[in-house]
C-alpha atoms as a PDB file:
ATOM      1  CA  UNK A   1      54.807  55.558  -1.524  1.00  0.00           C
ATOM      2  CA  UNK A   2      51.856  54.567  -3.675  1.00  0.00           C
ATOM      3  CA  UNK A   3      53.729  51.563  -5.067  1.00  0.00           C
ATOM      4  CA  UNK A   4      54.710  50.296  -1.584  1.00  0.00           C
ATOM      5  CA  UNK A   5      51.047  50.605  -0.525  1.00  0.00           C
ATOM      6  CA  UNK A   6      50.011  48.597  -3.605  1.00  0.00           C
ATOM      7  CA  UNK A   7      52.691  45.979  -2.912  1.00  0.00           C
ATOM      8  CA  UNK A   8      51.524  45.652   0.719  1.00  0.00           C
ATOM      9  CA  UNK A   9      47.904  45.383  -0.431  1.00  0.00           C
ATOM     10  CA  UNK A  10      48.873  42.768  -3.032  1.00  0.00           C
ATOM     11  CA  UNK A  11      50.832  40.854  -0.363  1.00  0.00           C
ATOM     12  CA  UNK A  12      47.867  40.719   2.042  1.00  0.00           C
ATOM     13  CA  UNK A  13      45.486  39.805  -0.780  1.00  0.00           C
ATOM     14  CA  UNK A  14      47.841  36.965  -1.820  1.00  0.00           C
ATOM     15  CA  UNK A  15      47.959  35.613   1.741  1.00  0.00           C
ATOM     16  CA  UNK A  16      44.181  35.613   1.882  1.00  0.00           C
ATOM     17  CA  UNK A  17      43.910  33.963  -1.525  1.00  0.00           C
ATOM     18  CA  UNK A  18      46.369  31.170  -0.780  1.00  0.00           C
ATOM     19  CA  UNK A  19      45.181  30.520   2.758  1.00  0.00           C
ATOM     20  CA  UNK A  20      41.593  29.969   1.651  1.00  0.00           C
ATOM     21  CA  UNK A  21      40.641  26.348   1.817  1.00  0.00           C
ATOM     22  CA  UNK A  22      37.859  24.654  -0.023  1.00  0.00           C
ATOM     23  CA  UNK A  23      34.673  25.131   1.973  1.00  0.00           C
ATOM     24  CA  UNK A  24      33.538  21.935   3.613  1.00  0.00           C
ATOM     25  CA  UNK A  25      30.123  20.609   2.722  1.00  0.00           C
ATOM     26  CA  UNK A  26      28.100  20.198   5.920  1.00  0.00           C
ATOM     27  CA  UNK A  27      24.875  19.628   4.037  1.00  0.00           C
ATOM     28  CA  UNK A  28      23.023  16.319   4.185  1.00  0.00           C
ATOM     29  CA  UNK A  29      24.479  15.565   0.735  1.00  0.00           C
ATOM     30  CA  UNK A  30      27.886  15.067   2.349  1.00  0.00           C
ATOM     31  CA  UNK A  31      26.550  12.087   4.324  1.00  0.00           C
ATOM     32  CA  UNK A  32      24.649  10.616   1.400  1.00  0.00           C
ATOM     33  CA  UNK A  33      25.191   6.851   1.302  1.00  0.00           C
ATOM     34  CA  UNK A  34      24.684   3.510   3.003  1.00  0.00           C
ATOM     35  CA  UNK A  35      27.018   2.504   5.830  1.00  0.00           C
ATOM     36  CA  UNK A  36      27.169  -0.925   7.509  1.00  0.00           C
ATOM     37  CA  UNK A  37      28.682  -2.231  10.730  1.00  0.00           C
ATOM     38  CA  UNK A  38      28.965  -6.033  10.669  1.00  0.00           C
ATOM     39  CA  UNK A  39      29.594  -8.131  13.747  1.00  0.00           C
ATOM     40  CA  UNK A  40      29.581 -11.925  13.995  1.00  0.00           C
ATOM     41  CA  UNK A  41      27.470 -13.259  16.867  1.00  0.00           C
ATOM     42  CA  UNK A  42      28.916 -16.649  17.879  1.00  0.00           C
ATOM     43  CA  UNK A  43      25.874 -17.728  19.888  1.00  0.00           C
ATOM     44  CA  UNK A  44      23.625 -17.307  16.837  1.00  0.00           C
ATOM     45  CA  UNK A  45      26.183 -18.284  14.218  1.00  0.00           C
ATOM     46  CA  UNK A  46      24.927 -15.226  12.288  1.00  0.00           C
ATOM     47  CA  UNK A  47      26.140 -11.760  11.339  1.00  0.00           C
ATOM     48  CA  UNK A  48      24.387  -8.838  13.036  1.00  0.00           C
ATOM     49  CA  UNK A  49      24.402  -5.892  10.631  1.00  0.00           C
ATOM     50  CA  UNK A  50      23.666  -2.316  11.706  1.00  0.00           C
ATOM     51  CA  UNK A  51      22.908  -0.069   8.734  1.00  0.00           C
ATOM     52  CA  UNK A  52      22.568   3.698   8.315  1.00  0.00           C
ATOM     53  CA  UNK A  53      21.111   4.860   5.003  1.00  0.00           C
ATOM     54  CA  UNK A  54      21.611   8.644   4.796  1.00  0.00           C
ATOM     55  CA  UNK A  55      19.626  10.383   2.082  1.00  0.00           C
ATOM     56  CA  UNK A  56      20.418  13.848   0.708  1.00  0.00           C
ATOM     57  CA  UNK A  57      17.056  15.220   1.865  1.00  0.00           C
ATOM     58  CA  UNK A  58      18.101  15.165   5.556  1.00  0.00           C
ATOM     59  CA  UNK A  59      16.411  11.820   6.365  1.00  0.00           C
ATOM     60  CA  UNK A  60      17.940   8.494   7.201  1.00  0.00           C
ATOM     61  CA  UNK A  61      16.916   4.917   7.937  1.00  0.00           C
ATOM     62  CA  UNK A  62      18.527   2.815  10.662  1.00  0.00           C
ATOM     63  CA  UNK A  63      18.168  -0.939  10.795  1.00  0.00           C
ATOM     64  CA  UNK A  64      19.543  -4.027  12.478  1.00  0.00           C
ATOM     65  CA  UNK A  65      19.354  -7.175  10.372  1.00  0.00           C
ATOM     66  CA  UNK A  66      20.769 -10.700  10.514  1.00  0.00           C
ATOM     67  CA  UNK A  67      22.742 -12.488   7.793  1.00  0.00           C
ATOM     68  CA  UNK A  68      24.478 -15.794   7.252  1.00  0.00           C
ATOM     69  CA  UNK A  69      27.388 -14.070   5.460  1.00  0.00           C
ATOM     70  CA  UNK A  70      28.817 -10.583   6.150  1.00  0.00           C
ATOM     71  CA  UNK A  71      27.938  -9.368   2.648  1.00  0.00           C
ATOM     72  CA  UNK A  72      25.053 -11.756   2.073  1.00  0.00           C
ATOM     73  CA  UNK A  73      21.329 -11.251   1.871  1.00  0.00           C
ATOM     74  CA  UNK A  74      19.459 -10.031   4.948  1.00  0.00           C
ATOM     75  CA  UNK A  75      17.461 -12.843   6.562  1.00  0.00           C
ATOM     76  CA  UNK A  76      15.206 -10.374   8.339  1.00  0.00           C
ATOM     77  CA  UNK A  77      15.014  -7.388  10.675  1.00  0.00           C
ATOM     78  CA  UNK A  78      15.410  -6.932  14.422  1.00  0.00           C
ATOM     79  CA  UNK A  79      14.916  -3.158  14.406  1.00  0.00           C
ATOM     80  CA  UNK A  80      14.041  -0.350  12.003  1.00  0.00           C
ATOM     81  CA  UNK A  81      13.516   3.394  12.344  1.00  0.00           C
ATOM     82  CA  UNK A  82      13.557   6.567  10.255  1.00  0.00           C
ATOM     83  CA  UNK A  83      14.436  10.089  11.321  1.00  0.00           C
ATOM     84  CA  UNK A  84      15.378  13.568  10.202  1.00  0.00           C
ATOM     85  CA  UNK A  85      18.934  14.613  10.923  1.00  0.00           C
ATOM     86  CA  UNK A  86      21.188  17.648  10.973  1.00  0.00           C
ATOM     87  CA  UNK A  87      24.939  17.467  10.490  1.00  0.00           C
ATOM     88  CA  UNK A  88      27.508  20.199  11.193  1.00  0.00           C
ATOM     89  CA  UNK A  89      30.514  18.395   9.750  1.00  0.00           C
ATOM     90  CA  UNK A  90      31.286  16.365  12.869  1.00  0.00           C
ATOM     91  CA  UNK A  91      28.162  15.972  15.004  1.00  0.00           C
ATOM     92  CA  UNK A  92      25.027  14.227  13.821  1.00  0.00           C
ATOM     93  CA  UNK A  93      21.869  15.373  15.624  1.00  0.00           C
ATOM     94  CA  UNK A  94      18.642  13.418  15.190  1.00  0.00           C
ATOM     95  CA  UNK A  95      15.301  12.763  16.843  1.00  0.00           C
ATOM     96  CA  UNK A  96      13.750   9.471  15.731  1.00  0.00           C
ATOM     97  CA  UNK A  97      10.030   9.810  15.237  1.00  0.00           C
ATOM     98  CA  UNK A  98       9.421   6.202  16.137  1.00  0.00           C
ATOM     99  CA  UNK A  99      11.042   2.889  15.572  1.00  0.00           C
ATOM    100  CA  UNK A 100      10.000  -0.700  15.492  1.00  0.00           C
ATOM    101  CA  UNK A 101      11.754  -3.701  16.927  1.00  0.00           C
ATOM    102  CA  UNK A 102      11.337  -7.217  18.186  1.00  0.00           C
ATOM    103  CA  UNK A 103      10.599  -7.254  21.941  1.00  0.00           C
ATOM    104  CA  UNK A 104      13.354  -8.700  24.102  1.00  0.00           C
ATOM    105  CA  UNK A 105      11.056 -11.448  25.377  1.00  0.00           C
ATOM    106  CA  UNK A 106      10.241 -12.661  21.856  1.00  0.00           C
ATOM    107  CA  UNK A 107      11.566 -15.977  20.538  1.00  0.00           C
ATOM    108  CA  UNK A 108      11.883 -14.508  17.031  1.00  0.00           C
ATOM    109  CA  UNK A 109      15.435 -13.680  15.958  1.00  0.00           C
ATOM    110  CA  UNK A 110      14.279 -11.730  12.914  1.00  0.00           C
ATOM    111  CA  UNK A 111      11.123 -10.975  10.961  1.00  0.00           C
ATOM    112  CA  UNK A 112      10.278  -9.348   7.629  1.00  0.00           C
ATOM    113  CA  UNK A 113      10.326  -5.552   7.922  1.00  0.00           C
ATOM    114  CA  UNK A 114       6.568  -5.349   7.396  1.00  0.00           C
ATOM    115  CA  UNK A 115       6.006  -7.416  10.558  1.00  0.00           C
ATOM    116  CA  UNK A 116       8.013  -4.995  12.700  1.00  0.00           C
ATOM    117  CA  UNK A 117       5.187  -2.493  12.298  1.00  0.00           C
ATOM    118  CA  UNK A 118       2.489  -4.869  13.545  1.00  0.00           C
ATOM    119  CA  UNK A 119       0.932  -4.447  16.972  1.00  0.00           C
ATOM    120  CA  UNK A 120       2.704  -7.564  18.238  1.00  0.00           C
ATOM    121  CA  UNK A 121       6.016  -5.726  18.215  1.00  0.00           C
ATOM    122  CA  UNK A 122       7.388  -3.010  20.430  1.00  0.00           C
ATOM    123  CA  UNK A 123       7.490   0.640  19.349  1.00  0.00           C
ATOM    124  CA  UNK A 124      10.483   2.712  20.434  1.00  0.00           C
ATOM    125  CA  UNK A 125       9.661   6.306  21.303  1.00  0.00           C
ATOM    126  CA  UNK A 126      12.612   8.626  21.936  1.00  0.00           C
ATOM    127  CA  UNK A 127      12.298  11.451  24.452  1.00  0.00           C
ATOM    128  CA  UNK A 128      15.458  13.427  23.677  1.00  0.00           C
ATOM    129  CA  UNK A 129      17.466  14.599  20.711  1.00  0.00           C
ATOM    130  CA  UNK A 130      20.210  12.078  20.058  1.00  0.00           C
ATOM    131  CA  UNK A 131      23.720  13.020  18.985  1.00  0.00           C
ATOM    132  CA  UNK A 132      26.702  11.176  17.593  1.00  0.00           C
ATOM    133  CA  UNK A 133      30.183  12.171  16.531  1.00  0.00           C
ATOM    134  CA  UNK A 134      31.049  11.094  12.990  1.00  0.00           C
ATOM    135  CA  UNK A 135      34.546  10.817  11.549  1.00  0.00           C
ATOM    136  CA  UNK A 136      35.244   9.712   7.999  1.00  0.00           C
ATOM    137  CA  UNK A 137      38.133   7.749   6.553  1.00  0.00           C
ATOM    138  CA  UNK A 138      38.738   6.076   3.227  1.00  0.00           C
ATOM    139  CA  UNK A 139      35.355   4.413   2.655  1.00  0.00           C
ATOM    140  CA  UNK A 140      34.552   4.287   6.377  1.00  0.00           C
ATOM    141  CA  UNK A 141      32.578   6.203   8.983  1.00  0.00           C
ATOM    142  CA  UNK A 142      33.389   5.996  12.694  1.00  0.00           C
ATOM    143  CA  UNK A 143      30.292   6.539  14.815  1.00  0.00           C
ATOM    144  CA  UNK A 144      30.337   7.414  18.521  1.00  0.00           C
ATOM    145  CA  UNK A 145      27.072   8.073  20.356  1.00  0.00           C
ATOM    146  CA  UNK A 146      27.185  11.205  22.533  1.00  0.00           C
ATOM    147  CA  UNK A 147      25.183  10.752  25.732  1.00  0.00           C
ATOM    148  CA  UNK A 148      24.083  13.449  28.200  1.00  0.00           C
ATOM    149  CA  UNK A 149      26.420  13.943  31.167  1.00  0.00           C
ATOM    150  CA  UNK A 150      23.856  12.443  33.545  1.00  0.00           C
ATOM    151  CA  UNK A 151      23.635   9.213  31.518  1.00  0.00           C
ATOM    152  CA  UNK A 152      25.932   6.536  32.955  1.00  0.00           C
ATOM    153  CA  UNK A 153      26.083   4.412  29.793  1.00  0.00           C
ATOM    154  CA  UNK A 154      28.856   4.943  27.217  1.00  0.00           C
ATOM    155  CA  UNK A 155      29.453   3.245  23.862  1.00  0.00           C
ATOM    156  CA  UNK A 156      32.698   2.391  22.152  1.00  0.00           C
ATOM    157  CA  UNK A 157      33.182   3.913  18.678  1.00  0.00           C
ATOM    158  CA  UNK A 158      32.090   1.666  15.821  1.00  0.00           C
ATOM    159  CA  UNK A 159      33.553   1.811  12.318  1.00  0.00           C
ATOM    160  CA  UNK A 160      31.063   1.423   9.494  1.00  0.00           C
ATOM    161  CA  UNK A 161      31.926   0.520   5.903  1.00  0.00           C
ATOM    162  CA  UNK A 162      30.417   2.677   3.161  1.00  0.00           C
ATOM    163  CA  UNK A 163      28.723   0.287   0.763  1.00  0.00           C
ATOM    164  CA  UNK A 164      27.033   2.745  -1.635  1.00  0.00           C
ATOM    165  CA  UNK A 165      26.499   6.393  -2.443  1.00  0.00           C
END
């Protein structure tokens, strides 16, 4: 009887041992890296590049820049902000502290980042926690903004390319 009890115990222990999966890393370190979404704007004959730079300390930078080539040098900025974030393995939650961008009525297409912070440019102030669903592939991140139910606007998912760790 004792040996059948030990065999049953060994069997259940083996199931538990083999069914354990490697624990997923939901820490900010798992997002660490720079991701870009590049889109050619025909009317400008320029590439509009949206960049997320996730740092392992739970902060990130978000920017929109313009380029002549998809992987070329940034000509200048249209928008920039920094924020803290939390990530649970699928949902990114963040509350931007403030952001800077070129006003819609401006003739400037882009400016140096330092000029975004001048008084001549608009400051974005966010009134709610923002959320996005993130899915990762081989060197990519698909980003889908999650809006409150009462918000009528919806985005399409965008696939970003990871360009560095």
